């Protein structure tokens, strides 16, 4: 066995994957703990723990931990993992490494669905996740139809997605203009933020995200086959059109659920999968859980930065993610053009 066989043997890959999992799990634990303990307002963890044990639920430190920071940490984990997994699925379906929920308009479609619901039916707050899902699904299907019927190159599909995202964002602004009283407080939603989120607000979405993550893991093999290309997947007996439709529905469910409580967070679905591929490659059985963990860590850390950089003032996590993800997206475009990963449009 030569050196290359040793480096890429199953045993060697398993060791590398195990080490990567431990590192990522530690990062997730540390970032969650730091996000829970640190913030723009000082709160002693020991004081909060003693108050909880003594039943002093009106204690200030306890209330900050239990009703402000813990729901916020849970929201960051749920939104980060959901958007990252949605990004993995969309990249596989469109065969485009630069596709992501915010870039091709999926987030904007979910946002338009939410703003329309809030404007037209203000009392239907419990239906927000479903409105976000149908809005995201409509955007996904639109992109997929263009990719399927035009045979456009990967870069062209990305540019079409950016255009559709702009149109949908204009639709959100139009609804805001026509119904200013119904959606007067949507700034945090439009830039992406989890400040003020509560466990009650998470309850309609967390089980949808949990089911979506489980379904994605069960479909990992199908995603692998689909990533080989349409002709290869069909030759292996896959119903390509049905599989793509179901996977797009799953990605829409994940992205829409995240948007319903976190707003239009950007670049998580791009950064999470690309970071995970550095650890485990393109095998979706591993890529999906690693992307979920990476997306959760990313949102937790960016939210923490937004809270502590200019304390006591807070910067929405969506702004921090844009500062981080924008340069990464530009670098990815330049690297892919240099390596000719896609056909020039």
C-alpha atoms as a PDB file:
ATOM      1  CA  UNK A   1       0.000   0.000   0.000  1.00  0.00           C
ATOM      2  CA  UNK A   2       1.571   3.309  -1.102  1.00  0.00           C
ATOM      3  CA  UNK A   3       1.404   6.627   0.723  1.00  0.00           C
ATOM      4  CA  UNK A   4      -1.676   7.870  -1.160  1.00  0.00           C
ATOM      5  CA  UNK A   5      -3.631   4.701  -0.396  1.00  0.00           C
ATOM      6  CA  UNK A   6      -2.728   5.079   3.262  1.00  0.00           C
ATOM      7  CA  UNK A   7      -3.800   8.716   3.327  1.00  0.00           C
ATOM      8  CA  UNK A   8      -7.157   8.030   1.731  1.00  0.00           C
ATOM      9  CA  UNK A   9      -7.932   4.630   3.197  1.00  0.00           C
ATOM     10  CA  UNK A  10     -11.280   4.140   4.967  1.00  0.00           C
ATOM     11  CA  UNK A  11      -9.564   3.900   8.352  1.00  0.00           C
ATOM     12  CA  UNK A  12      -7.642   7.143   7.771  1.00  0.00           C
ATOM     13  CA  UNK A  13     -10.770   8.959   6.585  1.00  0.00           C
ATOM     14  CA  UNK A  14     -12.728   7.703   9.596  1.00  0.00           C
ATOM     15  CA  UNK A  15     -10.052   9.054  11.944  1.00  0.00           C
ATOM     16  CA  UNK A  16     -10.064  12.414  10.197  1.00  0.00           C
ATOM     17  CA  UNK A  17     -13.848  12.545  10.322  1.00  0.00           C
ATOM     18  CA  UNK A  18     -13.845  11.652  14.008  1.00  0.00           C
ATOM     19  CA  UNK A  19     -11.358  14.382  14.828  1.00  0.00           C
ATOM     20  CA  UNK A  20     -13.333  16.891  12.765  1.00  0.00           C
ATOM     21  CA  UNK A  21     -16.535  15.921  14.557  1.00  0.00           C
ATOM     22  CA  UNK A  22     -14.939  16.373  17.982  1.00  0.00           C
ATOM     23  CA  UNK A  23     -13.542  19.787  16.978  1.00  0.00           C
ATOM     24  CA  UNK A  24     -16.870  20.971  15.575  1.00  0.00           C
ATOM     25  CA  UNK A  25     -18.813  19.643  18.571  1.00  0.00           C
ATOM     26  CA  UNK A  26     -16.448  21.488  20.926  1.00  0.00           C
ATOM     27  CA  UNK A  27     -16.862  24.674  18.900  1.00  0.00           C
ATOM     28  CA  UNK A  28     -20.631  24.303  19.095  1.00  0.00           C
ATOM     29  CA  UNK A  29     -20.540  23.764  22.862  1.00  0.00           C
ATOM     30  CA  UNK A  30     -18.152  26.682  23.436  1.00  0.00           C
ATOM     31  CA  UNK A  31     -20.070  29.086  21.187  1.00  0.00           C
ATOM     32  CA  UNK A  32     -23.413  28.109  22.758  1.00  0.00           C
ATOM     33  CA  UNK A  33     -21.996  28.544  26.273  1.00  0.00           C
ATOM     34  CA  UNK A  34     -20.367  31.868  25.418  1.00  0.00           C
ATOM     35  CA  UNK A  35     -23.578  33.120  23.818  1.00  0.00           C
ATOM     36  CA  UNK A  36     -25.522  32.101  26.920  1.00  0.00           C
ATOM     37  CA  UNK A  37     -23.091  33.690  29.406  1.00  0.00           C
ATOM     38  CA  UNK A  38     -22.045  36.855  27.563  1.00  0.00           C
ATOM     39  CA  UNK A  39     -24.050  39.786  26.296  1.00  0.00           C
ATOM     40  CA  UNK A  40     -24.658  43.499  26.382  1.00  0.00           C
ATOM     41  CA  UNK A  41     -26.085  43.153  29.912  1.00  0.00           C
ATOM     42  CA  UNK A  42     -24.120  41.572  32.735  1.00  0.00           C
ATOM     43  CA  UNK A  43     -25.757  38.524  34.290  1.00  0.00           C
ATOM     44  CA  UNK A  44     -24.095  36.058  36.641  1.00  0.00           C
ATOM     45  CA  UNK A  45     -24.562  32.431  35.648  1.00  0.00           C
ATOM     46  CA  UNK A  46     -24.079  31.288  39.250  1.00  0.00           C
ATOM     47  CA  UNK A  47     -26.665  33.771  40.495  1.00  0.00           C
ATOM     48  CA  UNK A  48     -29.123  32.577  37.861  1.00  0.00           C
ATOM     49  CA  UNK A  49     -28.474  28.934  38.818  1.00  0.00           C
ATOM     50  CA  UNK A  50     -28.980  29.619  42.534  1.00  0.00           C
ATOM     51  CA  UNK A  51     -32.188  31.515  41.783  1.00  0.00           C
ATOM     52  CA  UNK A  52     -33.478  28.598  39.723  1.00  0.00           C
ATOM     53  CA  UNK A  53     -32.658  26.089  42.473  1.00  0.00           C
ATOM     54  CA  UNK A  54     -34.276  28.301  45.119  1.00  0.00           C
ATOM     55  CA  UNK A  55     -37.366  28.913  43.001  1.00  0.00           C
ATOM     56  CA  UNK A  56     -36.711  32.665  42.774  1.00  0.00           C
ATOM     57  CA  UNK A  57     -38.000  32.988  39.219  1.00  0.00           C
ATOM     58  CA  UNK A  58     -38.275  36.770  39.456  1.00  0.00           C
ATOM     59  CA  UNK A  59     -34.509  37.125  39.906  1.00  0.00           C
ATOM     60  CA  UNK A  60     -33.023  39.452  37.269  1.00  0.00           C
ATOM     61  CA  UNK A  61     -30.111  37.198  36.287  1.00  0.00           C
ATOM     62  CA  UNK A  62     -32.398  34.178  35.997  1.00  0.00           C
ATOM     63  CA  UNK A  63     -34.884  36.039  33.819  1.00  0.00           C
ATOM     64  CA  UNK A  64     -32.114  37.242  31.490  1.00  0.00           C
ATOM     65  CA  UNK A  65     -30.719  33.727  31.120  1.00  0.00           C
ATOM     66  CA  UNK A  66     -34.029  31.877  30.850  1.00  0.00           C
ATOM     67  CA  UNK A  67     -36.185  34.300  28.857  1.00  0.00           C
ATOM     68  CA  UNK A  68     -33.676  36.262  26.761  1.00  0.00           C
ATOM     69  CA  UNK A  69     -30.420  34.431  26.131  1.00  0.00           C
ATOM     70  CA  UNK A  70     -31.505  30.771  26.146  1.00  0.00           C
ATOM     71  CA  UNK A  71     -34.266  31.270  23.530  1.00  0.00           C
ATOM     72  CA  UNK A  72     -31.836  33.355  21.499  1.00  0.00           C
ATOM     73  CA  UNK A  73     -29.186  30.621  21.595  1.00  0.00           C
ATOM     74  CA  UNK A  74     -31.747  27.988  20.607  1.00  0.00           C
ATOM     75  CA  UNK A  75     -32.946  30.202  17.755  1.00  0.00           C
ATOM     76  CA  UNK A  76     -29.375  30.616  16.498  1.00  0.00           C
ATOM     77  CA  UNK A  77     -28.794  26.849  16.519  1.00  0.00           C
ATOM     78  CA  UNK A  78     -32.088  26.095  14.777  1.00  0.00           C
ATOM     79  CA  UNK A  79     -31.730  28.825  12.131  1.00  0.00           C
ATOM     80  CA  UNK A  80     -28.067  28.064  11.439  1.00  0.00           C
ATOM     81  CA  UNK A  81     -28.562  24.319  11.066  1.00  0.00           C
ATOM     82  CA  UNK A  82     -31.736  24.672   8.974  1.00  0.00           C
ATOM     83  CA  UNK A  83     -30.286  27.206   6.521  1.00  0.00           C
ATOM     84  CA  UNK A  84     -27.003  25.287   6.167  1.00  0.00           C
ATOM     85  CA  UNK A  85     -28.791  22.014   5.390  1.00  0.00           C
ATOM     86  CA  UNK A  86     -31.113  23.822   2.982  1.00  0.00           C
ATOM     87  CA  UNK A  87     -28.001  25.190   1.267  1.00  0.00           C
ATOM     88  CA  UNK A  88     -26.520  21.692   0.891  1.00  0.00           C
ATOM     89  CA  UNK A  89     -29.729  20.386  -0.679  1.00  0.00           C
ATOM     90  CA  UNK A  90     -30.140  23.331  -3.063  1.00  0.00           C
ATOM     91  CA  UNK A  91     -26.514  23.054  -4.186  1.00  0.00           C
ATOM     92  CA  UNK A  92     -27.021  19.357  -4.930  1.00  0.00           C
ATOM     93  CA  UNK A  93     -30.313  19.842  -6.791  1.00  0.00           C
ATOM     94  CA  UNK A  94     -29.017  22.724  -8.925  1.00  0.00           C
ATOM     95  CA  UNK A  95     -25.508  21.221  -9.184  1.00  0.00           C
ATOM     96  CA  UNK A  96     -24.148  24.628  -8.262  1.00  0.00           C
ATOM     97  CA  UNK A  97     -21.739  25.184  -5.375  1.00  0.00           C
ATOM     98  CA  UNK A  98     -22.609  28.899  -5.262  1.00  0.00           C
ATOM     99  CA  UNK A  99     -26.331  28.359  -4.721  1.00  0.00           C
ATOM    100  CA  UNK A 100     -27.711  29.229  -1.293  1.00  0.00           C
ATOM    101  CA  UNK A 101     -31.160  30.114   0.096  1.00  0.00           C
ATOM    102  CA  UNK A 102     -30.464  33.842   0.275  1.00  0.00           C
ATOM    103  CA  UNK A 103     -28.581  34.098  -3.023  1.00  0.00           C
ATOM    104  CA  UNK A 104     -31.139  32.454  -5.305  1.00  0.00           C
ATOM    105  CA  UNK A 105     -34.183  34.040  -3.677  1.00  0.00           C
ATOM    106  CA  UNK A 106     -35.456  31.294  -1.367  1.00  0.00           C
ATOM    107  CA  UNK A 107     -35.162  33.484   1.726  1.00  0.00           C
ATOM    108  CA  UNK A 108     -36.792  36.388  -0.090  1.00  0.00           C
ATOM    109  CA  UNK A 109     -39.656  34.134  -1.204  1.00  0.00           C
ATOM    110  CA  UNK A 110     -40.181  33.028   2.391  1.00  0.00           C
ATOM    111  CA  UNK A 111     -40.010  36.655   3.506  1.00  0.00           C
ATOM    112  CA  UNK A 112     -42.627  37.707   0.963  1.00  0.00           C
ATOM    113  CA  UNK A 113     -44.912  34.907   2.132  1.00  0.00           C
ATOM    114  CA  UNK A 114     -44.571  36.060   5.745  1.00  0.00           C
ATOM    115  CA  UNK A 115     -45.116  39.758   5.003  1.00  0.00           C
ATOM    116  CA  UNK A 116     -48.201  38.983   2.889  1.00  0.00           C
ATOM    117  CA  UNK A 117     -49.650  36.862   5.678  1.00  0.00           C
ATOM    118  CA  UNK A 118     -48.964  39.499   8.333  1.00  0.00           C
ATOM    119  CA  UNK A 119     -50.436  42.244   6.145  1.00  0.00           C
ATOM    120  CA  UNK A 120     -53.549  40.383   5.019  1.00  0.00           C
ATOM    121  CA  UNK A 121     -54.218  38.243   8.116  1.00  0.00           C
ATOM    122  CA  UNK A 122     -52.567  39.866  11.153  1.00  0.00           C
ATOM    123  CA  UNK A 123     -54.236  37.424  13.548  1.00  0.00           C
ATOM    124  CA  UNK A 124     -52.797  34.303  11.896  1.00  0.00           C
ATOM    125  CA  UNK A 125     -49.428  34.352  13.663  1.00  0.00           C
ATOM    126  CA  UNK A 126     -49.424  30.558  14.073  1.00  0.00           C
ATOM    127  CA  UNK A 127     -49.429  30.159  10.278  1.00  0.00           C
ATOM    128  CA  UNK A 128     -46.201  32.132   9.758  1.00  0.00           C
ATOM    129  CA  UNK A 129     -43.970  29.029   9.275  1.00  0.00           C
ATOM    130  CA  UNK A 130     -46.331  27.652   6.635  1.00  0.00           C
ATOM    131  CA  UNK A 131     -46.517  30.971   4.782  1.00  0.00           C
ATOM    132  CA  UNK A 132     -42.708  31.088   4.800  1.00  0.00           C
ATOM    133  CA  UNK A 133     -42.572  27.504   3.511  1.00  0.00           C
ATOM    134  CA  UNK A 134     -44.890  28.143   0.551  1.00  0.00           C
ATOM    135  CA  UNK A 135     -43.064  31.361  -0.326  1.00  0.00           C
ATOM    136  CA  UNK A 136     -39.701  29.574  -0.248  1.00  0.00           C
ATOM    137  CA  UNK A 137     -41.092  26.658  -2.277  1.00  0.00           C
ATOM    138  CA  UNK A 138     -42.425  29.002  -4.973  1.00  0.00           C
ATOM    139  CA  UNK A 139     -38.993  30.626  -5.319  1.00  0.00           C
ATOM    140  CA  UNK A 140     -37.271  27.209  -5.415  1.00  0.00           C
ATOM    141  CA  UNK A 141     -39.579  25.874  -8.106  1.00  0.00           C
ATOM    142  CA  UNK A 142     -39.136  29.010 -10.190  1.00  0.00           C
ATOM    143  CA  UNK A 143     -35.351  28.647 -10.146  1.00  0.00           C
ATOM    144  CA  UNK A 144     -35.564  24.922 -10.859  1.00  0.00           C
ATOM    145  CA  UNK A 145     -37.914  25.487 -13.819  1.00  0.00           C
ATOM    146  CA  UNK A 146     -35.510  27.997 -15.340  1.00  0.00           C
ATOM    147  CA  UNK A 147     -32.537  25.674 -14.798  1.00  0.00           C
ATOM    148  CA  UNK A 148     -34.396  22.703 -16.310  1.00  0.00           C
ATOM    149  CA  UNK A 149     -35.982  24.315 -19.365  1.00  0.00           C
ATOM    150  CA  UNK A 150     -33.231  26.696 -20.456  1.00  0.00           C
ATOM    151  CA  UNK A 151     -30.145  24.574 -19.856  1.00  0.00           C
ATOM    152  CA  UNK A 152     -28.462  27.650 -18.428  1.00  0.00           C
ATOM    153  CA  UNK A 153     -24.941  27.526 -17.070  1.00  0.00           C
ATOM    154  CA  UNK A 154     -24.296  27.520 -13.344  1.00  0.00           C
ATOM    155  CA  UNK A 155     -23.307  31.171 -13.274  1.00  0.00           C
ATOM    156  CA  UNK A 156     -26.399  32.125 -15.278  1.00  0.00           C
ATOM    157  CA  UNK A 157     -28.617  30.252 -12.809  1.00  0.00           C
ATOM    158  CA  UNK A 158     -26.969  32.111  -9.946  1.00  0.00           C
ATOM    159  CA  UNK A 159     -27.515  35.462 -11.662  1.00  0.00           C
ATOM    160  CA  UNK A 160     -31.150  34.571 -12.394  1.00  0.00           C
ATOM    161  CA  UNK A 161     -31.564  33.663  -8.724  1.00  0.00           C
ATOM    162  CA  UNK A 162     -30.110  36.998  -7.659  1.00  0.00           C
ATOM    163  CA  UNK A 163     -32.540  38.764 -10.006  1.00  0.00           C
ATOM    164  CA  UNK A 164     -35.524  36.836  -8.639  1.00  0.00           C
ATOM    165  CA  UNK A 165     -34.345  37.610  -5.109  1.00  0.00           C
ATOM    166  CA  UNK A 166     -34.319  41.319  -5.987  1.00  0.00           C
ATOM    167  CA  UNK A 167     -37.842  41.101  -7.432  1.00  0.00           C
ATOM    168  CA  UNK A 168     -39.145  39.296  -4.342  1.00  0.00           C
ATOM    169  CA  UNK A 169     -37.439  41.799  -2.061  1.00  0.00           C
ATOM    170  CA  UNK A 170     -39.141  44.574  -4.038  1.00  0.00           C
ATOM    171  CA  UNK A 171     -42.410  42.743  -3.419  1.00  0.00           C
ATOM    172  CA  UNK A 172     -41.716  42.778   0.325  1.00  0.00           C
ATOM    173  CA  UNK A 173     -41.070  46.519   0.189  1.00  0.00           C
ATOM    174  CA  UNK A 174     -44.257  47.021  -1.835  1.00  0.00           C
ATOM    175  CA  UNK A 175     -46.302  45.206   0.813  1.00  0.00           C
ATOM    176  CA  UNK A 176     -44.637  47.351   3.480  1.00  0.00           C
ATOM    177  CA  UNK A 177     -45.605  50.482   1.555  1.00  0.00           C
ATOM    178  CA  UNK A 178     -49.235  49.471   1.010  1.00  0.00           C
ATOM    179  CA  UNK A 179     -49.783  48.084   4.521  1.00  0.00           C
ATOM    180  CA  UNK A 180     -47.512  50.231   6.723  1.00  0.00           C
ATOM    181  CA  UNK A 181     -49.639  49.825   9.842  1.00  0.00           C
ATOM    182  CA  UNK A 182     -49.839  46.025   9.650  1.00  0.00           C
ATOM    183  CA  UNK A 183     -46.076  45.430   9.361  1.00  0.00           C
ATOM    184  CA  UNK A 184     -44.668  48.553  11.002  1.00  0.00           C
ATOM    185  CA  UNK A 185     -41.955  46.696  12.930  1.00  0.00           C
ATOM    186  CA  UNK A 186     -40.239  44.558  10.291  1.00  0.00           C
ATOM    187  CA  UNK A 187     -36.747  46.075  10.210  1.00  0.00           C
ATOM    188  CA  UNK A 188     -35.256  43.252  12.265  1.00  0.00           C
ATOM    189  CA  UNK A 189     -36.999  40.690  10.076  1.00  0.00           C
ATOM    190  CA  UNK A 190     -35.675  42.172   6.825  1.00  0.00           C
ATOM    191  CA  UNK A 191     -32.028  42.373   7.934  1.00  0.00           C
ATOM    192  CA  UNK A 192     -32.184  39.097   9.862  1.00  0.00           C
ATOM    193  CA  UNK A 193     -32.146  39.013  13.642  1.00  0.00           C
ATOM    194  CA  UNK A 194     -33.083  36.869  16.615  1.00  0.00           C
ATOM    195  CA  UNK A 195     -33.291  39.558  19.289  1.00  0.00           C
ATOM    196  CA  UNK A 196     -36.473  39.254  21.306  1.00  0.00           C
ATOM    197  CA  UNK A 197     -37.251  35.724  20.164  1.00  0.00           C
ATOM    198  CA  UNK A 198     -39.058  33.539  22.704  1.00  0.00           C
ATOM    199  CA  UNK A 199     -39.541  29.813  23.143  1.00  0.00           C
ATOM    200  CA  UNK A 200     -43.195  30.291  22.230  1.00  0.00           C
ATOM    201  CA  UNK A 201     -42.175  31.879  18.944  1.00  0.00           C
ATOM    202  CA  UNK A 202     -39.869  28.943  18.215  1.00  0.00           C
ATOM    203  CA  UNK A 203     -42.465  26.283  18.971  1.00  0.00           C
ATOM    204  CA  UNK A 204     -44.202  26.241  15.560  1.00  0.00           C
ATOM    205  CA  UNK A 205     -40.861  25.910  13.746  1.00  0.00           C
ATOM    206  CA  UNK A 206     -38.501  23.769  15.828  1.00  0.00           C
ATOM    207  CA  UNK A 207     -40.320  20.503  15.160  1.00  0.00           C
ATOM    208  CA  UNK A 208     -40.487  21.272  11.425  1.00  0.00           C
ATOM    209  CA  UNK A 209     -36.740  21.842  11.398  1.00  0.00           C
ATOM    210  CA  UNK A 210     -36.163  18.673  13.416  1.00  0.00           C
ATOM    211  CA  UNK A 211     -38.249  16.600  11.005  1.00  0.00           C
ATOM    212  CA  UNK A 212     -36.485  18.267   8.080  1.00  0.00           C
ATOM    213  CA  UNK A 213     -33.040  17.402   9.438  1.00  0.00           C
ATOM    214  CA  UNK A 214     -34.096  13.790   9.970  1.00  0.00           C
ATOM    215  CA  UNK A 215     -35.567  13.539   6.473  1.00  0.00           C
ATOM    216  CA  UNK A 216     -32.413  15.042   4.937  1.00  0.00           C
ATOM    217  CA  UNK A 217     -30.240  12.441   6.678  1.00  0.00           C
ATOM    218  CA  UNK A 218     -32.514   9.636   5.470  1.00  0.00           C
ATOM    219  CA  UNK A 219     -32.269  10.986   1.905  1.00  0.00           C
ATOM    220  CA  UNK A 220     -28.485  11.464   1.985  1.00  0.00           C
ATOM    221  CA  UNK A 221     -27.865   8.583  -0.422  1.00  0.00           C
ATOM    222  CA  UNK A 222     -30.390   9.965  -2.915  1.00  0.00           C
ATOM    223  CA  UNK A 223     -28.701  13.362  -2.720  1.00  0.00           C
ATOM    224  CA  UNK A 224     -25.352  11.680  -3.442  1.00  0.00           C
ATOM    225  CA  UNK A 225     -26.806   9.975  -6.512  1.00  0.00           C
ATOM    226  CA  UNK A 226     -28.456  13.185  -7.722  1.00  0.00           C
ATOM    227  CA  UNK A 227     -25.133  15.027  -7.373  1.00  0.00           C
ATOM    228  CA  UNK A 228     -23.629  12.692  -9.984  1.00  0.00           C
ATOM    229  CA  UNK A 229     -25.724  14.333 -12.700  1.00  0.00           C
ATOM    230  CA  UNK A 230     -29.172  13.817 -14.169  1.00  0.00           C
ATOM    231  CA  UNK A 231     -28.191  11.134 -16.704  1.00  0.00           C
ATOM    232  CA  UNK A 232     -26.182   9.094 -14.209  1.00  0.00           C
ATOM    233  CA  UNK A 233     -28.922   9.306 -11.582  1.00  0.00           C
ATOM    234  CA  UNK A 234     -31.551   8.188 -14.119  1.00  0.00           C
ATOM    235  CA  UNK A 235     -29.363   5.267 -15.245  1.00  0.00           C
ATOM    236  CA  UNK A 236     -29.209   4.111 -11.612  1.00  0.00           C
ATOM    237  CA  UNK A 237     -32.998   3.908 -11.486  1.00  0.00           C
ATOM    238  CA  UNK A 238     -33.779   7.236  -9.788  1.00  0.00           C
ATOM    239  CA  UNK A 239     -36.883   9.205 -10.695  1.00  0.00           C
ATOM    240  CA  UNK A 240     -34.916  12.422 -11.087  1.00  0.00           C
ATOM    241  CA  UNK A 241     -37.839  14.847 -11.413  1.00  0.00           C
ATOM    242  CA  UNK A 242     -39.681  13.453  -8.389  1.00  0.00           C
ATOM    243  CA  UNK A 243     -36.500  13.361  -6.288  1.00  0.00           C
ATOM    244  CA  UNK A 244     -35.609  16.941  -7.145  1.00  0.00           C
ATOM    245  CA  UNK A 245     -39.112  18.158  -6.373  1.00  0.00           C
ATOM    246  CA  UNK A 246     -39.168  16.408  -2.998  1.00  0.00           C
ATOM    247  CA  UNK A 247     -35.717  17.717  -2.111  1.00  0.00           C
ATOM    248  CA  UNK A 248     -36.710  21.255  -3.088  1.00  0.00           C
ATOM    249  CA  UNK A 249     -39.767  20.924  -0.854  1.00  0.00           C
ATOM    250  CA  UNK A 250     -37.493  19.793   1.968  1.00  0.00           C
ATOM    251  CA  UNK A 251     -35.076  22.705   1.425  1.00  0.00           C
ATOM    252  CA  UNK A 252     -38.023  25.105   1.357  1.00  0.00           C
ATOM    253  CA  UNK A 253     -39.361  23.650   4.595  1.00  0.00           C
ATOM    254  CA  UNK A 254     -35.993  24.159   6.302  1.00  0.00           C
ATOM    255  CA  UNK A 255     -35.374  27.666   4.964  1.00  0.00           C
ATOM    256  CA  UNK A 256     -38.959  28.804   5.478  1.00  0.00           C
ATOM    257  CA  UNK A 257     -39.032  27.571   9.076  1.00  0.00           C
ATOM    258  CA  UNK A 258     -35.818  29.450   9.841  1.00  0.00           C
ATOM    259  CA  UNK A 259     -37.020  32.643   8.164  1.00  0.00           C
ATOM    260  CA  UNK A 260     -40.288  32.523  10.145  1.00  0.00           C
ATOM    261  CA  UNK A 261     -38.501  33.442  13.399  1.00  0.00           C
ATOM    262  CA  UNK A 262     -35.018  34.637  12.353  1.00  0.00           C
ATOM    263  CA  UNK A 263     -35.836  36.823   9.365  1.00  0.00           C
ATOM    264  CA  UNK A 264     -33.808  37.041   6.168  1.00  0.00           C
ATOM    265  CA  UNK A 265     -30.457  35.733   7.397  1.00  0.00           C
ATOM    266  CA  UNK A 266     -27.908  35.642   4.605  1.00  0.00           C
ATOM    267  CA  UNK A 267     -24.950  33.462   3.613  1.00  0.00           C
ATOM    268  CA  UNK A 268     -25.433  30.721   6.238  1.00  0.00           C
ATOM    269  CA  UNK A 269     -26.519  28.321   3.491  1.00  0.00           C
ATOM    270  CA  UNK A 270     -23.341  29.138   1.579  1.00  0.00           C
ATOM    271  CA  UNK A 271     -20.744  29.271   4.337  1.00  0.00           C
ATOM    272  CA  UNK A 272     -21.974  26.259   6.332  1.00  0.00           C
ATOM    273  CA  UNK A 273     -21.722  23.694   3.497  1.00  0.00           C
ATOM    274  CA  UNK A 274     -18.381  24.986   2.221  1.00  0.00           C
ATOM    275  CA  UNK A 275     -16.839  24.886   5.693  1.00  0.00           C
ATOM    276  CA  UNK A 276     -18.150  21.352   6.203  1.00  0.00           C
ATOM    277  CA  UNK A 277     -16.746  20.157   2.863  1.00  0.00           C
ATOM    278  CA  UNK A 278     -13.282  21.077   4.102  1.00  0.00           C
ATOM    279  CA  UNK A 279     -13.738  18.488   6.849  1.00  0.00           C
ATOM    280  CA  UNK A 280     -15.642  15.624   5.218  1.00  0.00           C
ATOM    281  CA  UNK A 281     -15.729  16.170   1.463  1.00  0.00           C
ATOM    282  CA  UNK A 282     -18.935  15.726  -0.524  1.00  0.00           C
ATOM    283  CA  UNK A 283     -20.452  12.598   1.010  1.00  0.00           C
ATOM    284  CA  UNK A 284     -23.845  13.842   2.119  1.00  0.00           C
ATOM    285  CA  UNK A 285     -24.194  11.274   4.880  1.00  0.00           C
ATOM    286  CA  UNK A 286     -21.488  13.281   6.652  1.00  0.00           C
ATOM    287  CA  UNK A 287     -21.838  16.630   4.903  1.00  0.00           C
ATOM    288  CA  UNK A 288     -25.400  17.207   6.127  1.00  0.00           C
ATOM    289  CA  UNK A 289     -24.764  16.865   9.907  1.00  0.00           C
ATOM    290  CA  UNK A 290     -21.435  18.694   9.677  1.00  0.00           C
ATOM    291  CA  UNK A 291     -23.088  21.535   7.742  1.00  0.00           C
ATOM    292  CA  UNK A 292     -25.840  21.744  10.365  1.00  0.00           C
ATOM    293  CA  UNK A 293     -23.269  22.025  13.145  1.00  0.00           C
ATOM    294  CA  UNK A 294     -21.171  24.521  11.198  1.00  0.00           C
ATOM    295  CA  UNK A 295     -24.194  26.694  10.430  1.00  0.00           C
ATOM    296  CA  UNK A 296     -25.213  26.676  14.088  1.00  0.00           C
ATOM    297  CA  UNK A 297     -21.718  27.706  15.209  1.00  0.00           C
ATOM    298  CA  UNK A 298     -21.617  30.466  12.587  1.00  0.00           C
ATOM    299  CA  UNK A 299     -24.920  32.055  13.644  1.00  0.00           C
ATOM    300  CA  UNK A 300     -24.095  31.727  17.360  1.00  0.00           C
ATOM    301  CA  UNK A 301     -20.715  33.453  16.963  1.00  0.00           C
ATOM    302  CA  UNK A 302     -22.033  36.203  14.672  1.00  0.00           C
ATOM    303  CA  UNK A 303     -24.920  36.887  17.041  1.00  0.00           C
ATOM    304  CA  UNK A 304     -22.507  37.041  19.974  1.00  0.00           C
ATOM    305  CA  UNK A 305     -20.291  39.495  18.084  1.00  0.00           C
ATOM    306  CA  UNK A 306     -23.304  41.658  17.333  1.00  0.00           C
ATOM    307  CA  UNK A 307     -24.129  41.801  21.047  1.00  0.00           C
ATOM    308  CA  UNK A 308     -20.676  42.528  22.490  1.00  0.00           C
ATOM    309  CA  UNK A 309     -18.850  44.598  19.855  1.00  0.00           C
ATOM    310  CA  UNK A 310     -20.727  47.830  20.543  1.00  0.00           C
ATOM    311  CA  UNK A 311     -22.403  47.002  23.860  1.00  0.00           C
ATOM    312  CA  UNK A 312     -24.826  48.158  25.141  1.00  0.00           C
ATOM    313  CA  UNK A 313     -25.960  48.643  21.539  1.00  0.00           C
ATOM    314  CA  UNK A 314     -26.649  45.535  19.466  1.00  0.00           C
ATOM    315  CA  UNK A 315     -26.064  44.820  15.793  1.00  0.00           C
ATOM    316  CA  UNK A 316     -28.508  42.340  14.186  1.00  0.00           C
ATOM    317  CA  UNK A 317     -26.873  39.037  13.362  1.00  0.00           C
ATOM    318  CA  UNK A 318     -27.880  39.402   9.706  1.00  0.00           C
ATOM    319  CA  UNK A 319     -25.588  42.423   9.321  1.00  0.00           C
ATOM    320  CA  UNK A 320     -22.610  40.567  10.802  1.00  0.00           C
ATOM    321  CA  UNK A 321     -23.304  37.578   8.527  1.00  0.00           C
ATOM    322  CA  UNK A 322     -23.363  39.862   5.482  1.00  0.00           C
ATOM    323  CA  UNK A 323     -19.987  41.331   6.421  1.00  0.00           C
ATOM    324  CA  UNK A 324     -18.586  37.803   6.751  1.00  0.00           C
ATOM    325  CA  UNK A 325     -20.399  36.125   3.865  1.00  0.00           C
ATOM    326  CA  UNK A 326     -20.144  38.855   1.225  1.00  0.00           C
ATOM    327  CA  UNK A 327     -16.344  38.668   0.821  1.00  0.00           C
ATOM    328  CA  UNK A 328     -16.533  34.859   0.970  1.00  0.00           C
ATOM    329  CA  UNK A 329     -19.045  34.796  -1.898  1.00  0.00           C
ATOM    330  CA  UNK A 330     -16.870  37.110  -4.004  1.00  0.00           C
ATOM    331  CA  UNK A 331     -13.820  34.947  -3.311  1.00  0.00           C
ATOM    332  CA  UNK A 332     -15.789  31.843  -4.295  1.00  0.00           C
ATOM    333  CA  UNK A 333     -16.801  33.419  -7.618  1.00  0.00           C
ATOM    334  CA  UNK A 334     -13.194  34.330  -8.391  1.00  0.00           C
ATOM    335  CA  UNK A 335     -11.856  30.915  -7.417  1.00  0.00           C
ATOM    336  CA  UNK A 336     -14.470  29.068  -9.464  1.00  0.00           C
ATOM    337  CA  UNK A 337     -13.840  31.251 -12.486  1.00  0.00           C
ATOM    338  CA  UNK A 338     -10.113  30.565 -12.166  1.00  0.00           C
ATOM    339  CA  UNK A 339     -10.615  26.808 -11.881  1.00  0.00           C
ATOM    340  CA  UNK A 340     -13.410  26.789 -14.514  1.00  0.00           C
ATOM    341  CA  UNK A 341     -15.767  24.796 -12.349  1.00  0.00           C
ATOM    342  CA  UNK A 342     -18.755  26.048 -14.322  1.00  0.00           C
ATOM    343  CA  UNK A 343     -19.355  26.802 -17.968  1.00  0.00           C
ATOM    344  CA  UNK A 344     -18.958  30.511 -18.777  1.00  0.00           C
ATOM    345  CA  UNK A 345     -22.304  32.177 -19.274  1.00  0.00           C
END
